Amino acid sequence: MNQLEIELYRNKIIKKINELFITYRKNFLIQYKRKRDGEVKFRTAKYMLADWVVLQHLSGSMTIGILLREAGLTKVFTFDVDIKDDLTESKEVTRRLVNLLIDLYGIAREDIHVSISGQKGYHIDLYFDAVFFEHELIPFYDEVLSELNET
């Protein structure tokens, strides 16, 4: 998303991000790169996740991660397909995963949202109308990976 689009649709975009992703604002993660070795790490922010932080993330000047609180409440479930140094294989696994979700689990294609995750893979997101405990979704995740023969 370019800067002009962000400016034009800022309020609508932030409202939708809040609706789809954020269940907890007290803490969140900030991604950074270590100076000594270039390794990408996350640290927990010591301030509230405000809309201006979400806007920084959308503009590309900050990468954040949403925390689920102690209870692990979530509105979204993400499969993260990252295969180091092989974007072609990441794409193939993503295609197989989407087809599996459609064919075996009956999830409608329009309810499966695929996006590029950085430079090495894809995110496959499933959004919910209700909030779920993360631990309730782990058996589904494990079963899907087993059916896909992936780890």
C-alpha atoms as a PDB file:
ATOM      1  CA  MET A   1       0.000   0.000   0.000  1.00  0.00           C
ATOM      2  CA  ASN A   2       1.478   3.352  -0.963  1.00  0.00           C
ATOM      3  CA  GLN A   3       1.464   6.508   1.151  1.00  0.00           C
ATOM      4  CA  LEU A   4      -1.331   8.182  -0.831  1.00  0.00           C
ATOM      5  CA  GLU A   5      -3.667   5.216  -0.341  1.00  0.00           C
ATOM      6  CA  ILE A   6      -2.918   5.198   3.368  1.00  0.00           C
ATOM      7  CA  GLU A   7      -3.732   8.898   3.657  1.00  0.00           C
ATOM      8  CA  LEU A   8      -6.984   8.557   1.690  1.00  0.00           C
ATOM      9  CA  TYR A   9      -8.281   5.542   3.541  1.00  0.00           C
ATOM     10  CA  ARG A  10      -6.528   5.829   6.920  1.00  0.00           C
ATOM     11  CA  ASN A  11      -9.571   5.803   9.185  1.00  0.00           C
ATOM     12  CA  LYS A  12     -11.354   3.006   7.318  1.00  0.00           C
ATOM     13  CA  ILE A  13      -8.216   0.892   7.237  1.00  0.00           C
ATOM     14  CA  ILE A  14      -7.440   1.360  10.939  1.00  0.00           C
ATOM     15  CA  LYS A  15     -11.039   0.582  11.868  1.00  0.00           C
ATOM     16  CA  LYS A  16     -10.895  -2.655   9.844  1.00  0.00           C
ATOM     17  CA  ILE A  17      -7.510  -3.661  11.319  1.00  0.00           C
ATOM     18  CA  ASN A  18      -8.923  -3.106  14.813  1.00  0.00           C
ATOM     19  CA  GLU A  19     -12.004  -5.154  13.959  1.00  0.00           C
ATOM     20  CA  LEU A  20     -10.156  -8.070  12.357  1.00  0.00           C
ATOM     21  CA  PHE A  21      -6.975  -8.414  14.418  1.00  0.00           C
ATOM     22  CA  ILE A  22      -6.733  -6.581  17.695  1.00  0.00           C
ATOM     23  CA  THR A  23      -8.160  -8.093  20.874  1.00  0.00           C
ATOM     24  CA  TYR A  24      -5.564  -6.702  23.291  1.00  0.00           C
ATOM     25  CA  ARG A  25      -3.833  -3.307  23.361  1.00  0.00           C
ATOM     26  CA  LYS A  26      -1.829  -3.234  26.594  1.00  0.00           C
ATOM     27  CA  ASN A  27       1.296  -4.678  24.939  1.00  0.00           C
ATOM     28  CA  PHE A  28       2.411  -5.588  21.439  1.00  0.00           C
ATOM     29  CA  LEU A  29       5.568  -6.704  19.678  1.00  0.00           C
ATOM     30  CA  ILE A  30       7.998  -4.546  17.704  1.00  0.00           C
ATOM     31  CA  GLN A  31      10.298  -6.183  15.179  1.00  0.00           C
ATOM     32  CA  TYR A  32      13.895  -5.000  14.965  1.00  0.00           C
ATOM     33  CA  LYS A  33      17.187  -6.106  13.439  1.00  0.00           C
ATOM     34  CA  ARG A  34      20.159  -6.649  15.743  1.00  0.00           C
ATOM     35  CA  LYS A  35      23.121  -4.453  14.772  1.00  0.00           C
ATOM     36  CA  ARG A  36      25.794  -7.013  15.640  1.00  0.00           C
ATOM     37  CA  ASP A  37      24.583  -9.829  13.356  1.00  0.00           C
ATOM     38  CA  GLY A  38      21.526  -8.548  11.472  1.00  0.00           C
ATOM     39  CA  GLU A  39      19.248 -11.163  13.064  1.00  0.00           C
ATOM     40  CA  VAL A  40      15.575 -10.162  13.136  1.00  0.00           C
ATOM     41  CA  LYS A  41      14.073 -10.191  16.637  1.00  0.00           C
ATOM     42  CA  PHE A  42      10.969  -8.962  18.462  1.00  0.00           C
ATOM     43  CA  ARG A  43      10.680  -7.036  21.719  1.00  0.00           C
ATOM     44  CA  THR A  44       7.597  -6.244  23.755  1.00  0.00           C
ATOM     45  CA  ALA A  45       6.567  -2.595  23.631  1.00  0.00           C
ATOM     46  CA  LYS A  46       6.084  -0.901  26.991  1.00  0.00           C
ATOM     47  CA  TYR A  47       3.218   1.288  25.798  1.00  0.00           C
ATOM     48  CA  MET A  48      -0.314   0.840  24.486  1.00  0.00           C
ATOM     49  CA  LEU A  49      -1.027  -0.244  20.933  1.00  0.00           C
ATOM     50  CA  ALA A  50      -2.572   2.965  19.603  1.00  0.00           C
ATOM     51  CA  ASP A  51      -3.960   3.623  16.148  1.00  0.00           C
ATOM     52  CA  TRP A  52      -0.875   5.689  15.239  1.00  0.00           C
ATOM     53  CA  VAL A  53       1.271   2.555  15.799  1.00  0.00           C
ATOM     54  CA  VAL A  54      -0.975   0.557  13.471  1.00  0.00           C
ATOM     55  CA  LEU A  55      -0.579   3.343  10.909  1.00  0.00           C
ATOM     56  CA  GLN A  56       3.229   3.140  11.252  1.00  0.00           C
ATOM     57  CA  HIS A  57       2.992  -0.592  10.565  1.00  0.00           C
ATOM     58  CA  LEU A  58       0.822  -0.061   7.487  1.00  0.00           C
ATOM     59  CA  SER A  59       3.178   2.577   6.098  1.00  0.00           C
ATOM     60  CA  GLY A  60       6.125   0.185   6.444  1.00  0.00           C
ATOM     61  CA  SER A  61       8.096   2.236   8.957  1.00  0.00           C
ATOM     62  CA  MET A  62       7.507  -0.260  11.795  1.00  0.00           C
ATOM     63  CA  THR A  63       6.690  -3.962  11.914  1.00  0.00           C
ATOM     64  CA  ILE A  64       4.488  -4.994  14.819  1.00  0.00           C
ATOM     65  CA  GLY A  65       2.967  -8.180  16.137  1.00  0.00           C
ATOM     66  CA  ILE A  66      -0.308  -8.497  17.991  1.00  0.00           C
ATOM     67  CA  LEU A  67      -0.314 -10.256  21.364  1.00  0.00           C
ATOM     68  CA  LEU A  68      -3.222 -12.397  22.499  1.00  0.00           C
ATOM     69  CA  ARG A  69      -3.137 -11.571  26.235  1.00  0.00           C
ATOM     70  CA  GLU A  70      -2.757 -14.262  28.862  1.00  0.00           C
ATOM     71  CA  ALA A  71      -6.034 -15.916  27.852  1.00  0.00           C
ATOM     72  CA  GLY A  72      -4.929 -16.183  24.209  1.00  0.00           C
ATOM     73  CA  LEU A  73      -8.010 -14.624  22.621  1.00  0.00           C
ATOM     74  CA  THR A  74      -7.946 -14.201  18.855  1.00  0.00           C
ATOM     75  CA  LYS A  75     -10.185 -13.248  15.932  1.00  0.00           C
ATOM     76  CA  VAL A  76      -7.825 -14.544  13.250  1.00  0.00           C
ATOM     77  CA  PHE A  77      -5.913 -17.736  12.604  1.00  0.00           C
ATOM     78  CA  THR A  78      -2.820 -17.613  10.404  1.00  0.00           C
ATOM     79  CA  PHE A  79      -0.813 -20.305   8.703  1.00  0.00           C
ATOM     80  CA  ASP A  80       2.678 -18.922   8.083  1.00  0.00           C
ATOM     81  CA  VAL A  81       4.354 -20.603   5.106  1.00  0.00           C
ATOM     82  CA  ASP A  82       8.037 -19.631   5.046  1.00  0.00           C
ATOM     83  CA  ILE A  83      10.558 -21.819   3.273  1.00  0.00           C
ATOM     84  CA  LYS A  84      13.970 -20.197   3.489  1.00  0.00           C
ATOM     85  CA  ASP A  85      15.593 -19.502   0.124  1.00  0.00           C
ATOM     86  CA  ASP A  86      12.782 -21.180  -1.851  1.00  0.00           C
ATOM     87  CA  LEU A  87       9.871 -18.886  -2.690  1.00  0.00           C
ATOM     88  CA  THR A  88       8.717 -21.339  -5.370  1.00  0.00           C
ATOM     89  CA  GLU A  89       8.292 -24.093  -2.774  1.00  0.00           C
ATOM     90  CA  SER A  90       6.533 -21.638  -0.407  1.00  0.00           C
ATOM     91  CA  LYS A  91       4.099 -20.839  -3.215  1.00  0.00           C
ATOM     92  CA  GLU A  92       3.458 -24.547  -3.885  1.00  0.00           C
ATOM     93  CA  VAL A  93       2.848 -25.361  -0.202  1.00  0.00           C
ATOM     94  CA  THR A  94       0.524 -22.346   0.027  1.00  0.00           C
ATOM     95  CA  ARG A  95      -1.449 -23.566  -3.001  1.00  0.00           C
ATOM     96  CA  ARG A  96      -1.739 -27.068  -1.495  1.00  0.00           C
ATOM     97  CA  LEU A  97      -2.806 -25.630   1.870  1.00  0.00           C
ATOM     98  CA  VAL A  98      -5.534 -23.455   0.324  1.00  0.00           C
ATOM     99  CA  ASN A  99      -6.842 -26.413  -1.687  1.00  0.00           C
ATOM    100  CA  LEU A 100      -6.844 -28.595   1.437  1.00  0.00           C
ATOM    101  CA  LEU A 101      -8.816 -26.004   3.408  1.00  0.00           C
ATOM    102  CA  ILE A 102     -11.370 -25.862   0.589  1.00  0.00           C
ATOM    103  CA  ASP A 103     -11.587 -29.561  -0.288  1.00  0.00           C
ATOM    104  CA  LEU A 104     -11.241 -31.267   3.104  1.00  0.00           C
ATOM    105  CA  TYR A 105     -12.608 -28.653   5.505  1.00  0.00           C
ATOM    106  CA  GLY A 106     -15.213 -26.994   3.278  1.00  0.00           C
ATOM    107  CA  ILE A 107     -13.921 -23.470   3.842  1.00  0.00           C
ATOM    108  CA  ALA A 108     -15.094 -21.181   1.059  1.00  0.00           C
ATOM    109  CA  ARG A 109     -12.311 -19.755  -1.113  1.00  0.00           C
ATOM    110  CA  GLU A 110     -13.491 -16.204  -0.428  1.00  0.00           C
ATOM    111  CA  ASP A 111     -12.973 -16.834   3.321  1.00  0.00           C
ATOM    112  CA  ILE A 112      -9.304 -17.778   2.836  1.00  0.00           C
ATOM    113  CA  HIS A 113      -7.033 -14.749   2.635  1.00  0.00           C
ATOM    114  CA  VAL A 114      -3.518 -15.168   1.239  1.00  0.00           C
ATOM    115  CA  SER A 115      -0.858 -12.473   1.459  1.00  0.00           C
ATOM    116  CA  ILE A 116       2.892 -12.237   1.014  1.00  0.00           C
ATOM    117  CA  SER A 117       4.806 -12.398   4.311  1.00  0.00           C
ATOM    118  CA  GLY A 118       8.049 -10.563   3.886  1.00  0.00           C
ATOM    119  CA  GLN A 119      10.378 -12.050   1.289  1.00  0.00           C
ATOM    120  CA  LYS A 120      10.245 -15.785   1.910  1.00  0.00           C
ATOM    121  CA  GLY A 121       6.648 -16.896   2.017  1.00  0.00           C
ATOM    122  CA  TYR A 122       2.961 -16.359   2.539  1.00  0.00           C
ATOM    123  CA  HIS A 123       0.317 -15.943   5.225  1.00  0.00           C
ATOM    124  CA  ILE A 124      -2.994 -17.770   4.921  1.00  0.00           C
ATOM    125  CA  ASP A 125      -5.509 -16.031   7.206  1.00  0.00           C
ATOM    126  CA  LEU A 126      -8.884 -17.236   8.413  1.00  0.00           C
ATOM    127  CA  TYR A 127     -11.011 -14.571  10.144  1.00  0.00           C
ATOM    128  CA  PHE A 128     -13.753 -15.261  12.687  1.00  0.00           C
ATOM    129  CA  ASP A 129     -16.927 -13.431  13.607  1.00  0.00           C
ATOM    130  CA  ALA A 130     -16.321 -14.376  17.244  1.00  0.00           C
ATOM    131  CA  VAL A 131     -13.277 -14.408  19.505  1.00  0.00           C
ATOM    132  CA  PHE A 132     -11.670 -17.802  20.189  1.00  0.00           C
ATOM    133  CA  PHE A 133      -9.056 -19.074  22.591  1.00  0.00           C
ATOM    134  CA  GLU A 134      -5.882 -19.836  20.678  1.00  0.00           C
ATOM    135  CA  HIS A 135      -5.539 -23.227  22.395  1.00  0.00           C
ATOM    136  CA  GLU A 136      -8.900 -24.264  20.904  1.00  0.00           C
ATOM    137  CA  LEU A 137      -7.481 -23.787  17.401  1.00  0.00           C
ATOM    138  CA  ILE A 138      -4.191 -25.666  17.885  1.00  0.00           C
ATOM    139  CA  PRO A 139      -5.697 -29.147  17.243  1.00  0.00           C
ATOM    140  CA  PHE A 140      -7.073 -27.873  13.921  1.00  0.00           C
ATOM    141  CA  TYR A 141      -3.673 -26.424  13.041  1.00  0.00           C
ATOM    142  CA  ASP A 142      -1.907 -29.696  13.888  1.00  0.00           C
ATOM    143  CA  GLU A 143      -4.429 -31.726  11.891  1.00  0.00           C
ATOM    144  CA  VAL A 144      -4.063 -29.502   8.829  1.00  0.00           C
ATOM    145  CA  LEU A 145      -0.258 -29.758   8.933  1.00  0.00           C
ATOM    146  CA  SER A 146      -0.532 -33.530   9.309  1.00  0.00           C
ATOM    147  CA  GLU A 147      -2.894 -33.783   6.319  1.00  0.00           C
ATOM    148  CA  LEU A 148      -0.513 -31.582   4.343  1.00  0.00           C
ATOM    149  CA  ASN A 149       2.526 -33.662   5.439  1.00  0.00           C
ATOM    150  CA  GLU A 150       4.292 -30.473   6.569  1.00  0.00           C
ATOM    151  CA  THR A 151       5.813 -29.270   9.845  1.00  0.00           C
END
